[in-house]
Amino acid sequence: LRDRGYMYWRMLSKNPEMARKVVCSERPTISDDSFSLQPRILDRLAANLCTLASVYHELPENFLSSDRQVPKSNEEDIDVAEENREHLQQVQQEMQARSRGGQTYVEESGSEDSDDDRSESSSSSDGGASRGAANGAGAGAAPPPPLRPMAQVHAETQAGQHGNNGLRVAAAVVRGKGGAVGLQIMVGNFTAQPMNGWAVQFNKNPFGLAPAGPLQLPDVAPNGGTAQALLPMQPNQLLSGAAPTAPLFLEVAIKTNIDVFYLSIGYDLSAVLAEAGPVGKDEFQQTWQAVPPDSKARTMGQFAQQVTAQMVAERLRQYYVYTVVQTQGNDADVLYLSARTSNQLVVYSELSLQRSGPGVMLTCASPAPPLVPLFQSFISECLRVRWQGA
């Protein structure tokens, strides 16, 4: 406090105008991001409040080597074993129920590697699962890790349709096995009464994403109670007919016994890319050569660290962007890539990687031009590229 007072006194005595700008400048918004963490992770971080885990916002085992980790106590082992057993029983029951109903179970794509941090699993409709199986391009492979963590999309202070408040929501669009798409959602009840009667509705959107089933949330206890679920989604159901724009987002309404709440949930392009595999070399060549040079969008940038063409190709394939052919030039490896959206729109691109440095150049074209800036943004997010002028 003394140092701060001394600093202000020096500013006022030397340059009152500068002092006015500093004191009256816009303050950054203070936000609470703890709700974006899963409850089990938050409990673990709170238990390690006096350690580096609270600084990094990561569990100790994520940044400590195995020979330095402290073994878990027997009580923690019992808790984990019981939790895993309950999770396994729930999954088995759900799988049996879905198989009797002619549906396929799809495991949720979690954002954490630890078994302790695994979210509840849910199911997707047969349409989403059969799409991935029919495409056959790694239909049984593990889903890609989410590019974006679960983020708060509705604060408890925001009023609903009838003026009531108290609902906090965090959400993220994730991919599941077999190319399934889901909405991972966590809700918090900050009212004085239990919250129930859950229902969800989507507005029409460019890729037609729609719920593939009801929002299955339990009664949520008052005064800070939380619950989470995975809502399976299907593309091409609620098509708006409008071109996609950046940033991509879903307009969602959640109905409860308290009120109806409206929220927007952002997502990246990989959420609507199909597990279709690469286009044929001849098709790519014909399309690429037919596009006039001035119709191809070109942007240059730098990777955050040195990478190889193989690393980039494998990373992009995780997110349904496929390498058609790879060539080499002067001090550059060149990847020709294709990606297809769920509504059959294709993006063709050329990615040149500098071998002697972190430089990268992306050239892309599409029969649907609005996809181009979305694809550029996705490449930046997926590969951690910073484009010039961004």
Protein backbone atom coordinates (compact mmCIF):
# COMPACT_ATOMS: atom_id res chain seq x y z
CA LEU A 1 0.00 0.00 0.00
CA ARG A 2 2.89 2.36 0.80
CA ASP A 3 4.58 1.61 -2.54
CA ARG A 4 1.34 2.22 -4.42
CA GLY A 5 0.82 5.54 -2.67
CA TYR A 6 4.40 6.54 -3.45
CA MET A 7 3.89 5.66 -7.12
CA TYR A 8 0.71 7.77 -7.37
CA TRP A 9 2.42 10.67 -5.60
CA ARG A 10 5.31 10.58 -8.10
CA MET A 11 2.90 10.51 -11.05
CA LEU A 12 0.85 13.41 -9.68
CA SER A 13 3.93 15.50 -8.98
CA LYS A 14 5.60 14.80 -12.34
CA ASN A 15 2.75 14.42 -14.84
CA PRO A 16 -0.85 14.90 -13.65
CA GLU A 17 -2.22 14.11 -17.12
CA MET A 18 -0.52 10.73 -17.15
CA ALA A 19 -1.82 10.07 -13.64
CA ARG A 20 -5.35 10.85 -14.81
CA LYS A 21 -5.01 8.37 -17.71
CA VAL A 22 -3.69 5.64 -15.42
CA VAL A 23 -6.27 6.09 -12.65
CA CYS A 24 -9.23 6.59 -15.00
CA SER A 25 -8.26 3.94 -17.57
CA GLU A 26 -10.59 1.05 -18.34
CA ARG A 27 -10.22 -1.85 -15.92
CA PRO A 28 -10.15 -5.46 -17.14
CA THR A 29 -13.28 -7.42 -16.39
CA ILE A 30 -12.94 -9.68 -13.38
CA SER A 31 -14.40 -13.05 -14.30
CA ASP A 32 -14.78 -16.27 -12.39
CA ASP A 33 -13.45 -19.13 -14.49
CA SER A 34 -13.53 -21.75 -11.73
CA PHE A 35 -16.91 -22.96 -12.98
CA SER A 36 -15.29 -24.03 -16.25
CA LEU A 37 -13.43 -26.75 -14.33
CA GLN A 38 -15.04 -30.08 -13.65
CA PRO A 39 -16.07 -30.48 -9.96
CA ARG A 40 -13.67 -33.34 -9.28
CA ILE A 41 -10.74 -31.35 -10.69
CA LEU A 42 -11.78 -28.27 -8.67
CA ASP A 43 -11.88 -30.37 -5.47
CA ARG A 44 -8.41 -31.74 -6.18
CA LEU A 45 -7.05 -28.22 -6.84
CA ALA A 46 -8.60 -26.96 -3.60
CA ALA A 47 -6.94 -29.82 -1.72
CA ASN A 48 -3.59 -28.75 -3.22
CA LEU A 49 -4.14 -25.03 -2.62
CA CYS A 50 -0.72 -24.52 -1.01
CA THR A 51 1.17 -26.17 -3.88
CA LEU A 52 2.04 -25.25 -7.47
CA ALA A 53 -1.14 -27.01 -8.62
CA SER A 54 -3.15 -23.93 -7.62
CA VAL A 55 -0.78 -21.72 -9.63
CA TYR A 56 -0.82 -23.81 -12.80
CA HIS A 57 -4.52 -24.79 -12.47
CA GLU A 58 -3.41 -28.33 -13.23
CA LEU A 59 -3.36 -31.52 -11.19
CA PRO A 60 0.05 -32.35 -9.65
CA GLU A 61 0.51 -35.48 -11.75
CA ASN A 62 0.21 -33.41 -14.93
CA PHE A 63 3.44 -31.48 -14.32
CA LEU A 64 5.40 -33.67 -11.88
CA SER A 65 7.49 -36.62 -13.01
CA SER A 66 6.38 -40.02 -11.79
CA ASP A 67 9.39 -40.45 -9.49
CA ARG A 68 8.50 -37.25 -7.59
CA GLN A 69 4.79 -37.85 -7.17
CA VAL A 70 3.41 -38.64 -3.74
CA PRO A 71 1.49 -41.93 -3.70
CA LYS A 72 -2.23 -41.68 -3.17
CA SER A 73 -3.57 -42.69 0.18
CA ASN A 74 -5.63 -45.83 0.60
CA GLU A 75 -8.71 -43.69 1.12
CA GLU A 76 -8.18 -41.92 -2.20
CA ASP A 77 -7.63 -45.27 -3.94
CA ILE A 78 -10.91 -46.55 -2.52
CA ASP A 79 -12.75 -43.40 -3.65
CA VAL A 80 -11.33 -43.69 -7.16
CA ALA A 81 -12.11 -47.39 -7.37
CA GLU A 82 -15.69 -46.83 -6.24
CA GLU A 83 -16.10 -43.96 -8.70
CA ASN A 84 -14.74 -46.03 -11.59
CA ARG A 85 -16.97 -48.95 -10.64
CA GLU A 86 -20.06 -46.71 -10.54
CA HIS A 87 -19.07 -45.18 -13.88
CA LEU A 88 -18.61 -48.64 -15.44
CA GLN A 89 -21.99 -49.82 -14.15
CA GLN A 90 -23.69 -46.73 -15.52
CA VAL A 91 -22.05 -47.18 -18.93
CA GLN A 92 -23.01 -50.86 -19.06
CA GLN A 93 -26.62 -50.10 -18.15
CA GLU A 94 -26.81 -47.35 -20.75
CA MET A 95 -25.25 -49.54 -23.43
CA GLN A 96 -27.79 -52.29 -22.72
CA ALA A 97 -30.66 -49.80 -22.80
CA ARG A 98 -29.48 -48.27 -26.05
CA SER A 99 -28.90 -51.63 -27.69
CA ARG A 100 -32.47 -52.64 -26.91
CA GLY A 101 -33.61 -49.37 -28.49
CA GLY A 102 -31.54 -49.92 -31.63
CA GLN A 103 -29.02 -47.18 -30.80
CA THR A 104 -25.25 -47.17 -30.54
CA TYR A 105 -23.31 -46.05 -27.51
CA VAL A 106 -20.77 -43.29 -28.03
CA GLU A 107 -18.33 -42.43 -25.27
CA GLU A 108 -17.91 -38.82 -24.35
CA SER A 109 -14.75 -37.02 -25.44
CA GLY A 110 -13.26 -35.71 -22.22
CA SER A 111 -10.83 -32.82 -21.97
CA GLU A 112 -8.66 -34.46 -19.30
CA ASP A 113 -6.45 -37.54 -19.45
CA SER A 114 -6.93 -38.69 -15.88
CA ASP A 115 -9.53 -41.29 -15.03
CA ASP A 116 -10.46 -39.21 -12.00
CA ASP A 117 -11.50 -36.36 -14.26
CA ARG A 118 -13.63 -38.29 -16.68
CA SER A 119 -17.06 -36.84 -17.28
CA GLU A 120 -20.25 -38.84 -17.42
CA SER A 121 -20.80 -40.69 -20.67
CA SER A 122 -23.85 -40.36 -22.80
CA SER A 123 -25.28 -41.80 -25.97
CA SER A 124 -25.71 -40.58 -29.48
CA SER A 125 -28.40 -41.48 -31.93
CA ASP A 126 -27.84 -44.17 -34.52
CA GLY A 127 -27.66 -41.54 -37.25
CA GLY A 128 -24.49 -39.90 -35.87
CA ALA A 129 -22.74 -43.19 -35.16
CA SER A 130 -23.63 -44.81 -38.47
CA ARG A 131 -22.30 -41.77 -40.33
CA GLY A 132 -18.84 -42.30 -38.84
CA ALA A 133 -18.96 -46.06 -39.44
CA ALA A 134 -20.07 -45.63 -43.03
CA ASN A 135 -17.24 -43.25 -43.77
CA GLY A 136 -14.79 -45.81 -42.48
CA ALA A 137 -11.94 -43.32 -42.01
CA GLY A 138 -10.93 -44.29 -38.49
CA ALA A 139 -14.48 -44.81 -37.30
CA GLY A 140 -13.30 -46.77 -34.27
CA ALA A 141 -10.48 -44.36 -33.38
CA ALA A 142 -10.49 -42.31 -30.22
CA PRO A 143 -12.12 -38.88 -30.60
CA PRO A 144 -9.84 -35.84 -30.86
CA PRO A 145 -9.19 -33.77 -27.74
CA PRO A 146 -11.35 -30.64 -27.69
CA LEU A 147 -9.55 -27.59 -29.07
CA ARG A 148 -11.48 -25.39 -26.67
CA PRO A 149 -12.06 -26.09 -22.98
CA MET A 150 -15.50 -25.87 -21.46
CA ALA A 151 -16.27 -22.17 -20.99
CA GLN A 152 -18.98 -20.26 -19.16
CA VAL A 153 -21.71 -19.19 -21.57
CA HIS A 154 -24.37 -17.96 -19.15
CA ALA A 155 -23.95 -16.26 -15.77
CA GLU A 156 -26.32 -16.67 -12.87
CA THR A 157 -26.92 -12.91 -12.88
CA GLN A 158 -28.41 -12.98 -16.39
CA ALA A 159 -32.19 -12.94 -16.45
CA GLY A 160 -34.32 -15.41 -18.38
CA GLN A 161 -37.36 -14.83 -20.56
CA HIS A 162 -39.57 -13.96 -17.58
CA GLY A 163 -36.98 -11.98 -15.62
CA ASN A 164 -35.79 -14.73 -13.27
CA ASN A 165 -32.11 -15.59 -12.87
CA GLY A 166 -29.88 -18.04 -11.00
CA LEU A 167 -28.74 -20.43 -13.74
CA ARG A 168 -25.05 -20.66 -14.58
CA VAL A 169 -24.03 -22.69 -17.64
CA ALA A 170 -20.66 -23.80 -18.98
CA ALA A 171 -20.52 -25.68 -22.28
CA ALA A 172 -18.31 -26.95 -25.09
CA VAL A 173 -18.99 -28.70 -28.40
CA VAL A 174 -16.97 -31.94 -28.51
CA ARG A 175 -16.46 -34.88 -30.87
CA GLY A 176 -17.06 -38.49 -29.87
CA LYS A 177 -16.17 -41.88 -31.27
CA GLY A 178 -17.28 -42.61 -34.80
CA GLY A 179 -17.41 -38.91 -35.68
CA ALA A 180 -20.30 -38.21 -33.30
CA VAL A 181 -20.88 -34.62 -32.15
CA GLY A 182 -22.02 -33.69 -28.67
CA LEU A 183 -22.63 -30.70 -26.43
CA GLN A 184 -20.84 -31.09 -23.11
CA ILE A 185 -22.74 -29.00 -20.61
CA MET A 186 -22.50 -28.17 -16.90
CA VAL A 187 -25.16 -26.26 -15.01
CA GLY A 188 -25.19 -24.58 -11.62
CA ASN A 189 -28.25 -23.68 -9.58
CA PHE A 190 -27.82 -20.41 -7.69
CA THR A 191 -31.44 -20.07 -6.62
CA ALA A 192 -33.06 -21.01 -3.31
CA GLN A 193 -35.12 -23.87 -4.78
CA PRO A 194 -34.30 -27.07 -6.69
CA MET A 195 -33.98 -26.71 -10.45
CA ASN A 196 -35.57 -29.31 -12.74
CA GLY A 197 -37.84 -29.71 -15.76
CA TRP A 198 -34.93 -29.51 -18.17
CA ALA A 199 -35.52 -29.06 -21.90
CA VAL A 200 -33.38 -27.68 -24.71
CA GLN A 201 -34.03 -26.13 -28.12
CA PHE A 202 -31.65 -24.96 -30.87
CA ASN A 203 -32.14 -22.20 -33.41
CA LYS A 204 -31.57 -23.01 -37.06
CA ASN A 205 -27.89 -22.77 -37.98
CA PRO A 206 -25.66 -23.09 -41.10
CA PHE A 207 -24.71 -26.72 -40.42
CA GLY A 208 -28.09 -27.81 -39.09
CA LEU A 209 -26.85 -28.96 -35.68
CA ALA A 210 -29.76 -30.16 -33.55
CA PRO A 211 -30.24 -32.21 -30.36
CA ALA A 212 -30.40 -35.95 -31.03
CA GLY A 213 -32.25 -36.57 -27.78
CA PRO A 214 -33.54 -34.86 -24.63
CA LEU A 215 -31.32 -32.96 -22.21
CA GLN A 216 -30.94 -35.50 -19.41
CA LEU A 217 -30.09 -33.59 -16.27
CA PRO A 218 -31.19 -34.50 -12.74
CA ASP A 219 -32.79 -32.21 -10.20
CA VAL A 220 -30.08 -29.74 -9.21
CA ALA A 221 -29.84 -28.77 -5.57
CA PRO A 222 -30.30 -25.09 -4.64
CA ASN A 223 -27.60 -22.64 -3.52
CA GLY A 224 -24.73 -23.79 -5.71
CA GLY A 225 -25.64 -27.32 -6.74
CA THR A 226 -24.20 -28.52 -10.06
CA ALA A 227 -24.81 -31.25 -12.62
CA GLN A 228 -23.43 -32.12 -16.04
CA ALA A 229 -24.41 -34.11 -19.09
CA LEU A 230 -23.45 -34.81 -22.68
CA LEU A 231 -26.17 -33.92 -25.18
CA PRO A 232 -25.72 -35.83 -28.48
CA MET A 233 -26.25 -33.73 -31.61
CA GLN A 234 -26.94 -34.43 -35.27
CA PRO A 235 -25.97 -32.19 -38.21
CA ASN A 236 -28.19 -31.30 -41.19
CA GLN A 237 -31.39 -31.23 -39.12
CA LEU A 238 -32.01 -27.51 -38.49
CA LEU A 239 -30.44 -25.95 -41.57
CA SER A 240 -30.84 -22.17 -41.72
CA GLY A 241 -29.83 -21.88 -45.37
CA ALA A 242 -27.50 -19.01 -44.42
CA ALA A 243 -23.76 -19.01 -45.03
CA PRO A 244 -21.60 -19.68 -41.97
CA THR A 245 -19.89 -16.66 -40.45
CA ALA A 246 -16.99 -16.25 -38.05
CA PRO A 247 -17.11 -16.96 -35.21
CA LEU A 248 -19.27 -20.08 -35.30
CA PHE A 249 -21.83 -20.33 -32.52
CA LEU A 250 -25.06 -22.08 -31.58
CA GLU A 251 -28.10 -20.19 -30.28
CA VAL A 252 -29.60 -22.37 -27.57
CA ALA A 253 -32.58 -22.05 -25.24
CA ILE A 254 -32.65 -24.03 -21.98
CA LYS A 255 -35.99 -24.41 -20.19
CA THR A 256 -36.21 -25.07 -16.45
CA ASN A 257 -38.88 -24.78 -13.80
CA ILE A 258 -37.37 -21.36 -12.98
CA ASP A 259 -37.38 -19.73 -16.42
CA VAL A 260 -36.28 -20.07 -20.03
CA PHE A 261 -32.66 -18.99 -20.57
CA TYR A 262 -30.99 -18.06 -23.86
CA LEU A 263 -27.30 -18.53 -24.56
CA SER A 264 -24.75 -18.62 -27.39
CA ILE A 265 -22.18 -21.42 -27.51
CA GLY A 266 -19.11 -20.98 -29.69
CA TYR A 267 -17.42 -23.86 -31.49
CA ASP A 268 -14.61 -24.42 -33.99
CA LEU A 269 -14.87 -25.76 -37.53
CA SER A 270 -13.70 -29.28 -36.59
CA ALA A 271 -17.07 -29.83 -34.87
CA VAL A 272 -18.76 -29.99 -38.28
CA LEU A 273 -16.04 -31.69 -40.34
CA ALA A 274 -16.88 -35.18 -41.57
CA GLU A 275 -14.82 -38.34 -41.20
CA ALA A 276 -14.78 -38.64 -44.97
CA GLY A 277 -11.09 -39.18 -45.74
CA PRO A 278 -9.15 -37.25 -48.40
CA VAL A 279 -10.55 -36.47 -51.83
CA GLY A 280 -8.92 -38.26 -54.77
CA LYS A 281 -5.69 -36.85 -56.21
CA ASP A 282 -7.27 -36.32 -59.63
CA GLU A 283 -10.26 -34.51 -58.14
CA PHE A 284 -7.98 -32.29 -56.06
CA GLN A 285 -5.73 -31.47 -59.01
CA GLN A 286 -8.62 -30.64 -61.34
CA THR A 287 -10.34 -28.45 -58.77
CA TRP A 288 -7.15 -26.72 -57.64
CA GLN A 289 -6.06 -25.90 -61.17
CA ALA A 290 -9.53 -24.67 -62.12
CA VAL A 291 -9.55 -22.04 -59.35
CA PRO A 292 -8.05 -18.71 -60.57
CA PRO A 293 -4.99 -17.64 -58.55
CA ASP A 294 -6.70 -14.44 -57.41
CA SER A 295 -9.58 -16.54 -55.98
CA LYS A 296 -7.25 -18.44 -53.66
CA ALA A 297 -6.85 -16.98 -50.19
CA ARG A 298 -3.21 -16.83 -49.09
CA THR A 299 -1.96 -16.05 -45.62
CA MET A 300 1.44 -16.35 -43.96
CA GLY A 301 2.42 -16.84 -40.36
CA GLN A 302 4.62 -18.65 -37.87
CA PHE A 303 4.31 -21.75 -35.72
CA ALA A 304 4.76 -21.37 -32.00
CA GLN A 305 7.55 -23.96 -32.25
CA GLN A 306 9.43 -25.93 -34.88
CA VAL A 307 7.34 -28.78 -36.33
CA THR A 308 7.68 -31.36 -39.09
CA ALA A 309 5.32 -32.11 -41.96
CA GLN A 310 4.54 -35.50 -40.45
CA MET A 311 3.60 -33.95 -37.11
CA VAL A 312 1.29 -31.47 -38.85
CA ALA A 313 -0.35 -34.14 -41.04
CA GLU A 314 -1.05 -36.40 -38.05
CA ARG A 315 -2.39 -33.54 -35.98
CA LEU A 316 -4.75 -32.38 -38.73
CA ARG A 317 -5.97 -35.92 -39.42
CA GLN A 318 -7.11 -36.11 -35.80
CA TYR A 319 -9.47 -33.24 -36.61
CA TYR A 320 -10.75 -34.60 -39.95
CA VAL A 321 -8.43 -32.64 -42.27
CA TYR A 322 -6.72 -35.12 -44.58
CA THR A 323 -3.49 -35.04 -46.58
CA VAL A 324 -4.07 -35.74 -50.29
CA VAL A 325 -0.40 -35.62 -51.29
CA GLN A 326 2.88 -34.35 -49.84
CA THR A 327 5.69 -32.78 -51.88
CA GLN A 328 8.98 -31.00 -51.21
CA GLY A 329 10.23 -27.66 -52.49
CA ASN A 330 13.10 -25.31 -51.75
CA ASP A 331 13.40 -25.23 -47.95
CA ALA A 332 9.73 -26.22 -47.65
CA ASP A 333 7.51 -29.26 -47.23
CA VAL A 334 4.14 -28.84 -48.92
CA LEU A 335 0.95 -30.60 -47.81
CA TYR A 336 -2.10 -30.59 -50.07
CA LEU A 337 -5.13 -31.00 -47.82
CA SER A 338 -8.87 -31.52 -48.09
CA ALA A 339 -11.67 -31.27 -45.54
CA ARG A 340 -15.39 -31.90 -45.99
CA THR A 341 -18.13 -30.52 -43.78
CA SER A 342 -21.14 -32.47 -42.63
CA ASN A 343 -23.25 -30.77 -45.33
CA GLN A 344 -20.79 -31.84 -48.05
CA LEU A 345 -18.92 -28.57 -48.57
CA VAL A 346 -15.22 -29.07 -49.34
CA VAL A 347 -12.19 -26.94 -48.55
CA TYR A 348 -9.02 -27.46 -50.61
CA SER A 349 -5.73 -26.11 -49.29
CA GLU A 350 -1.97 -26.01 -49.71
CA LEU A 351 0.11 -25.77 -46.53
CA SER A 352 3.80 -24.92 -47.00
CA LEU A 353 6.07 -25.52 -43.99
CA GLN A 354 9.49 -23.90 -43.80
CA ARG A 355 12.12 -26.53 -42.95
CA SER A 356 14.76 -24.10 -41.65
CA GLY A 357 12.38 -22.10 -39.46
CA PRO A 358 8.87 -21.74 -38.06
CA GLY A 359 7.39 -20.05 -41.16
CA VAL A 360 4.17 -21.36 -42.70
CA MET A 361 1.97 -20.30 -45.62
CA LEU A 362 -1.63 -21.42 -46.13
CA THR A 363 -3.38 -21.16 -49.48
CA CYS A 364 -6.96 -22.34 -49.64
CA ALA A 365 -10.07 -22.26 -51.80
CA SER A 366 -13.58 -23.63 -51.62
CA PRO A 367 -16.76 -23.71 -53.71
CA ALA A 368 -18.27 -22.18 -50.54
CA PRO A 369 -16.10 -19.03 -49.99
CA PRO A 370 -17.46 -18.33 -46.45
CA LEU A 371 -15.66 -21.49 -45.31
CA VAL A 372 -12.23 -20.05 -46.15
CA PRO A 373 -11.84 -17.64 -43.17
CA LEU A 374 -13.30 -20.31 -40.89
CA PHE A 375 -10.70 -22.79 -42.14
CA GLN A 376 -7.89 -20.27 -41.66
CA SER A 377 -9.03 -19.65 -38.10
CA PHE A 378 -9.30 -23.39 -37.44
CA ILE A 379 -5.74 -24.04 -38.74
CA SER A 380 -4.47 -21.27 -36.46
CA GLU A 381 -6.25 -22.78 -33.47
CA CYS A 382 -5.37 -26.40 -34.23
CA LEU A 383 -1.69 -25.90 -35.12
CA ARG A 384 -1.03 -22.83 -32.94
CA VAL A 385 -0.14 -20.64 -35.87
CA ARG A 386 -0.11 -16.87 -35.61
CA TRP A 387 -1.06 -15.31 -38.93
CA GLN A 388 0.48 -12.03 -39.99
CA GLY A 389 -1.78 -9.10 -39.17
CA ALA A 390 -3.83 -11.19 -36.73
